Amino acid sequence: MEGIAYDLIVTIVNKGRAEKVMEAAKKAGAEGATILYGRGSGIHEKAKLFGIVIEPEKEIILTLVPADISQEVLESILKEAELHKPNKGIAFIVPVSKVAGINHDFTIKKQQ
């Protein structure tokens, strides 16, 4: 028996925007996501307030979805989170070769 092919959609946005990403992903068929917190280090990321360097906080949203809906989920995230606009964030898909611990009753699909 072969399992379902999965993709991991990684979305990185400014603090406070993760909920918008998660809503968009769920709207397109994702069941949930995990939010991690980090900070940016790009050349345009450092701002100063009263002479103190402020490191912008980021939210990293990890969304594991069946590969057959990953493009639709990504497009929903891009649209709803406005990632086509400058400084809104980035998203990308990483193919996942093995998955363990998923206890959902999916229809088993043959990997392509």
Protein backbone atom coordinates (compact mmCIF):
# COMPACT_ATOMS: atom_id res chain seq x y z
CA MET A 1 0.00 0.00 0.00
CA GLU A 2 1.40 3.36 -1.01
CA GLY A 3 0.67 6.56 0.92
CA ILE A 4 -0.36 10.04 -0.07
CA ALA A 5 2.25 12.44 -1.42
CA TYR A 6 2.58 15.55 0.76
CA ASP A 7 4.01 19.03 0.33
CA LEU A 8 5.05 21.47 3.02
CA ILE A 9 4.04 25.07 2.37
CA VAL A 10 6.33 27.43 4.26
CA THR A 11 5.06 30.99 4.63
CA ILE A 12 7.04 33.76 6.35
CA VAL A 13 5.20 36.97 7.22
CA ASN A 14 5.53 39.88 9.61
CA LYS A 15 4.26 39.40 13.16
CA GLY A 16 0.48 39.54 13.39
CA ARG A 17 -0.27 38.22 9.90
CA ALA A 18 -0.22 34.45 10.55
CA GLU A 19 -3.96 34.23 11.17
CA LYS A 20 -4.67 35.62 7.70
CA VAL A 21 -2.38 32.95 6.21
CA MET A 22 -4.02 30.17 8.21
CA GLU A 23 -7.54 31.29 7.24
CA ALA A 24 -6.54 31.32 3.56
CA ALA A 25 -4.98 27.85 3.80
CA LYS A 26 -8.03 26.38 5.53
CA LYS A 27 -10.33 28.01 2.98
CA ALA A 28 -8.42 26.12 0.25
CA GLY A 29 -8.55 22.75 1.99
CA ALA A 30 -5.70 22.63 4.52
CA GLU A 31 -6.66 21.17 7.87
CA GLY A 32 -4.33 23.26 10.01
CA ALA A 33 -0.82 24.60 10.40
CA THR A 34 1.94 25.25 12.90
CA ILE A 35 3.15 28.77 13.67
CA LEU A 36 6.76 29.38 14.68
CA TYR A 37 8.30 32.70 15.63
CA GLY A 38 11.54 34.18 14.36
CA ARG A 39 13.19 37.40 13.29
CA GLY A 40 14.39 38.69 9.96
CA SER A 41 18.00 39.34 9.07
CA GLY A 42 17.80 40.65 5.48
CA ILE A 43 19.54 43.83 4.39
CA HIS A 44 16.24 45.74 4.41
CA GLU A 45 15.09 44.32 7.73
CA LYS A 46 16.77 46.61 10.25
CA ALA A 47 14.92 49.68 11.44
CA LYS A 48 15.88 52.15 14.16
CA LEU A 49 13.75 53.69 16.85
CA PHE A 50 15.45 56.35 18.98
CA GLY A 51 18.79 55.09 17.68
CA ILE A 52 18.11 51.49 18.78
CA VAL A 53 18.16 48.80 16.10
CA ILE A 54 14.87 46.89 16.02
CA GLU A 55 14.88 43.34 14.69
CA PRO A 56 11.53 42.73 12.96
CA GLU A 57 9.66 39.74 14.32
CA LYS A 58 8.37 37.13 11.89
CA GLU A 59 5.80 34.38 11.96
CA ILE A 60 6.62 31.19 10.07
CA ILE A 61 3.60 29.12 9.13
CA LEU A 62 4.18 25.45 8.28
CA THR A 63 1.28 23.88 6.42
CA LEU A 64 1.48 20.18 5.53
CA VAL A 65 -1.01 19.33 2.79
CA PRO A 66 -1.64 16.53 0.29
CA ALA A 67 0.38 17.35 -2.83
CA ASP A 68 -2.72 17.38 -5.04
CA ILE A 69 -4.05 20.53 -3.29
CA SER A 70 -0.77 22.29 -2.52
CA GLN A 71 -0.91 24.65 -5.51
CA GLU A 72 -4.48 25.69 -4.67
CA VAL A 73 -3.55 26.29 -1.02
CA LEU A 74 -0.47 28.30 -2.03
CA GLU A 75 -2.50 30.46 -4.42
CA SER A 76 -5.07 31.15 -1.69
CA ILE A 77 -2.30 32.20 0.71
CA LEU A 78 -0.67 34.43 -1.92
CA LYS A 79 -3.97 36.17 -2.63
CA GLU A 80 -5.33 36.58 0.91
CA ALA A 81 -2.01 37.52 2.52
CA GLU A 82 -1.17 39.81 -0.44
CA LEU A 83 2.26 38.26 -0.88
CA HIS A 84 2.46 39.70 -4.40
CA LYS A 85 2.99 43.13 -2.76
CA PRO A 86 6.42 44.24 -1.48
CA ASN A 87 7.35 43.51 2.14
CA LYS A 88 4.32 41.30 2.82
CA GLY A 89 6.23 38.04 3.09
CA ILE A 90 7.17 34.96 1.10
CA ALA A 91 5.83 31.46 0.61
CA PHE A 92 7.28 28.36 -1.00
CA ILE A 93 6.54 24.65 -1.34
CA VAL A 94 8.92 21.91 -0.22
CA PRO A 95 8.18 18.33 -1.37
CA VAL A 96 8.01 15.92 1.57
CA SER A 97 9.38 12.42 1.03
CA LYS A 98 8.14 10.76 4.23
CA VAL A 99 5.46 11.58 6.79
CA ALA A 100 4.73 9.95 10.15
CA GLY A 101 2.15 10.64 12.81
CA ILE A 102 -0.74 11.78 10.64
CA ASN A 103 -3.88 10.13 11.96
CA HIS A 104 -6.39 11.27 9.36
CA ASP A 105 -8.54 8.95 7.31
CA PHE A 106 -7.45 10.05 3.82
CA THR A 107 -8.18 8.10 0.70
CA ILE A 108 -4.92 6.40 -0.19
CA LYS A 109 -3.51 7.76 -3.44
CA LYS A 110 -0.70 6.44 -5.53
CA GLN A 111 2.33 8.75 -5.57
CA GLN A 112 3.08 10.13 -8.99
